[in-house]
Protein backbone atom coordinates (compact mmCIF):
# COMPACT_ATOMS: atom_id res chain seq x y z
CA MET A 1 49.37 28.49 22.40
CA LYS A 2 52.83 28.45 24.17
CA ASP A 3 55.17 30.14 22.31
CA ASN A 4 57.75 27.94 20.74
CA ILE A 5 54.74 26.40 18.37
CA ILE A 6 53.21 29.72 16.55
CA PRO A 7 56.62 29.32 14.22
CA LEU A 8 54.93 26.18 12.68
CA PHE A 9 51.59 27.56 12.23
CA GLU A 10 51.75 31.27 10.86
CA GLU A 11 52.39 30.58 8.11
CA HIS A 12 48.76 29.93 7.52
CA GLU A 13 47.13 32.71 6.08
CA THR A 14 42.90 31.96 7.02
CA ALA A 15 41.65 31.09 10.79
CA LYS A 16 39.64 28.61 8.68
CA LEU A 17 43.41 27.32 7.58
CA LEU A 18 45.09 27.12 11.30
CA ILE A 19 41.67 25.80 11.90
CA GLU A 20 42.35 22.74 9.97
CA ALA A 21 45.94 22.79 10.80
CA LEU A 22 45.50 22.74 14.41
CA GLU A 23 42.90 19.64 14.60
CA SER A 24 45.18 17.63 11.79
CA LYS A 25 48.07 17.79 14.78
CA TYR A 26 46.08 18.14 17.80
CA GLY A 27 42.61 17.10 16.89
CA VAL A 28 43.13 13.28 15.60
CA ARG A 29 41.85 10.28 17.79
CA SER A 30 43.99 7.50 17.83
CA ASP A 31 43.44 3.89 17.77
CA THR A 32 45.17 4.04 21.35
CA GLN A 33 43.30 7.13 22.43
CA ILE A 34 40.40 5.31 21.74
CA GLN A 35 41.12 2.05 23.05
CA LEU A 36 42.22 4.25 26.54
CA LEU A 37 38.59 5.98 26.44
CA LEU A 38 36.67 2.41 25.87
CA ASP A 39 39.04 1.19 28.92
CA LYS A 40 38.09 3.85 30.69
CA TYR A 41 34.37 3.45 30.31
CA ASN A 42 34.54 0.11 30.99
CA ASN A 43 36.14 -0.20 33.99
CA THR A 44 34.30 3.01 35.42
CA ARG A 45 32.16 1.93 38.56
CA MET A 46 30.04 3.77 40.87
CA SER A 47 31.36 4.82 44.61
CA ASP A 48 29.53 4.70 47.74
CA ASN A 49 29.47 9.09 47.78
CA ASP A 50 27.80 8.98 44.78
CA SER A 51 24.76 9.75 43.67
CA VAL A 52 23.55 7.66 41.27
CA GLY A 53 21.94 10.94 38.71
CA ASP A 54 25.88 11.74 38.91
CA TYR A 55 27.10 8.65 37.86
CA ALA A 56 24.41 8.61 35.42
CA ASN A 57 25.65 12.23 33.51
CA GLN A 58 29.53 11.30 34.02
CA MET A 59 28.58 8.13 31.84
CA GLU A 60 26.80 9.07 29.73
CA LEU A 61 29.33 12.03 28.69
CA MET A 62 32.09 9.55 28.58
CA ALA A 63 30.26 8.38 26.12
CA LYS A 64 29.16 11.20 24.52
CA GLU A 65 33.29 11.55 23.60
CA LEU A 66 33.52 8.43 22.03
CA SER A 67 30.70 9.27 19.90
CA ASN A 68 32.71 12.79 19.77
CA VAL A 69 35.67 10.38 17.81
CA ASP A 70 33.26 8.63 16.08
CA HIS A 71 33.49 5.38 18.21
CA PRO A 72 29.66 5.95 19.69
CA LEU A 73 27.82 3.33 22.28
CA SER A 74 24.41 2.03 21.50
CA ASP A 75 21.28 2.52 24.07
CA LYS A 76 21.40 -0.73 24.76
CA MET A 77 25.36 -0.78 25.43
CA GLN A 78 25.47 2.40 27.66
CA VAL A 79 22.23 1.09 30.39
CA THR A 80 23.52 -2.80 30.04
CA THR A 81 27.15 -0.62 31.04
CA ILE A 82 25.44 1.50 33.26
CA LEU A 83 23.24 -1.21 34.87
CA ASN A 84 26.29 -3.69 35.94
CA SER A 85 28.45 -0.62 37.42
CA LEU A 86 26.14 0.61 40.24
CA LEU A 87 26.70 -0.43 43.81
CA LEU A 88 25.76 -3.87 45.54
CA SER A 89 23.22 -2.21 47.61
CA TRP A 90 21.26 -1.35 43.83
CA ASP A 91 20.89 -5.05 42.83
CA HIS A 92 16.84 -4.92 43.64
CA VAL A 93 16.68 -2.44 40.80
CA VAL A 94 19.16 -3.97 38.61
CA THR A 95 17.87 -7.61 38.27
CA PRO A 96 14.14 -6.71 37.68
CA LEU A 97 15.37 -3.80 34.85
CA THR A 98 17.80 -6.26 33.56
CA HIS A 99 15.32 -9.45 32.66
CA SER A 100 12.31 -6.65 32.30
CA GLU A 101 10.87 -7.76 28.47
CA ARG A 102 10.59 -3.26 28.54
CA GLU A 103 13.71 -2.01 26.51
CA ILE A 104 15.11 0.91 28.55
CA SER A 105 16.75 3.73 26.95
CA MET A 106 19.28 6.70 27.90
CA VAL A 107 16.38 8.69 28.19
CA THR A 108 14.53 6.75 30.50
CA LEU A 109 17.15 5.32 32.68
CA PRO A 110 18.21 8.29 34.76
CA VAL A 111 14.46 9.16 35.72
CA LEU A 112 14.01 5.96 37.01
CA LEU A 113 17.25 5.28 39.23
CA VAL A 114 17.43 9.23 40.63
CA LEU A 115 13.40 8.08 41.37
CA GLU A 116 14.57 5.06 43.42
CA GLU A 117 17.14 6.82 45.03
CA GLU A 118 14.81 8.79 46.35
CA ARG A 119 12.86 6.48 47.57
CA MET A 120 15.43 4.87 49.39
CA LYS A 121 16.78 7.62 50.84
CA ARG A 122 12.88 8.05 52.01
CA ARG A 123 13.03 4.42 53.10
CA ARG A 124 16.17 4.52 55.19
CA LYS A 125 15.34 7.83 57.44
CA GLU A 126 11.70 6.11 57.98
CA GLY A 127 13.77 3.78 58.82
CA LEU A 128 15.70 5.36 61.33
CA SER A 129 12.87 6.90 62.99
CA SER A 130 11.18 3.96 63.49
CA ASN A 131 14.21 2.61 65.24
CA LEU A 132 14.67 6.53 67.21
CA LEU A 133 10.72 5.15 68.17
CA MET A 134 11.44 1.86 69.44
CA ALA A 135 14.81 2.21 71.06
CA GLN A 136 12.65 5.07 73.08
CA SER A 137 10.13 3.32 74.07
CA SER A 138 11.84 0.08 74.92
CA SER A 139 14.17 1.94 77.23
CA GLN A 140 10.48 2.74 79.12
CA PRO A 141 9.25 0.15 81.73
CA GLN A 142 6.06 -1.03 79.88
CA ASN A 143 3.40 -2.66 83.14
CA ASN A 144 1.44 -4.60 81.10
CA PHE A 145 4.29 -6.79 81.01
CA HIS A 146 5.23 -6.85 83.93
CA THR A 147 2.43 -8.10 85.65
CA PRO A 148 2.94 -10.53 88.45
CA PHE A 149 0.69 -13.91 87.24
CA ASN A 150 -3.10 -14.09 89.22
CA LYS A 151 -2.08 -17.11 91.58
CA LYS A 152 -6.15 -17.84 91.89
CA LYS A 153 -6.12 -17.89 87.91
CA THR A 154 -3.27 -20.38 87.65
CA THR A 155 -4.34 -22.18 90.50
CA SER A 156 -7.89 -23.22 89.41
CA PHE A 157 -6.58 -23.76 85.16
CA LYS A 158 -3.90 -26.17 86.67
CA ARG A 159 -6.81 -28.44 88.37
CA LYS A 160 -8.68 -28.77 85.88
CA TRP A 161 -6.24 -29.86 83.33
CA LYS A 162 -4.64 -32.05 86.05
CA LYS A 163 -8.37 -33.86 86.30
CA GLY A 164 -9.45 -33.80 82.94
CA PHE A 165 -5.71 -36.07 82.15
CA GLN A 166 -6.09 -37.55 85.00
CA LYS A 167 -9.91 -38.58 83.11
CA GLY A 168 -8.53 -39.45 79.58
C-alpha cells in the first residue's frame, strides 16, 4: 500500500474493520467489471501453441473468477464455451461431444480433451515415421517394378486374344 492512502484507513482500530474498509473500497465488482470478465471469457480462443489441457485450465480459472464475483457459470455453459472455442483441427472431437446424449461435465471434459490430444500427437508421430519410411523406400530402386516384359508370353497372349476375337 502506498503511504499516501494510509491516512484513509488508519482510523480503523482492528484488523477486521480495516479489511472491511478495504473490501468496501476496492473489493466491490461493478456490473461493468463483470461484463468485461464475461466478454473476456466468451471471446477467448485456443491458439495454435496452446495445449488443450492448459487452455481448459485457463478457461476454468476465468469461470472461477466470475464465480468469485457472484456470477457463476453452469457446467453446461462452460463445456459449450470451451468446445466452441477450440481450434478447427478439433472439430472431429467437438462434433460428437456436442451431439452426444451423455452430458459432459467440467470434471470429465479436460480429461477427455487431454487424452485426445495425446492420441493426436501419437498419430502425427506415427504418420511422420511412416512418411519417412515411404520416402526412404521410394528413393531406392526396386527391381520388381522395372523388370522387362517377357516377350514370348506377351506375344502368345496376343495371338490367343486375336484368335478368340476373330472367332466371336
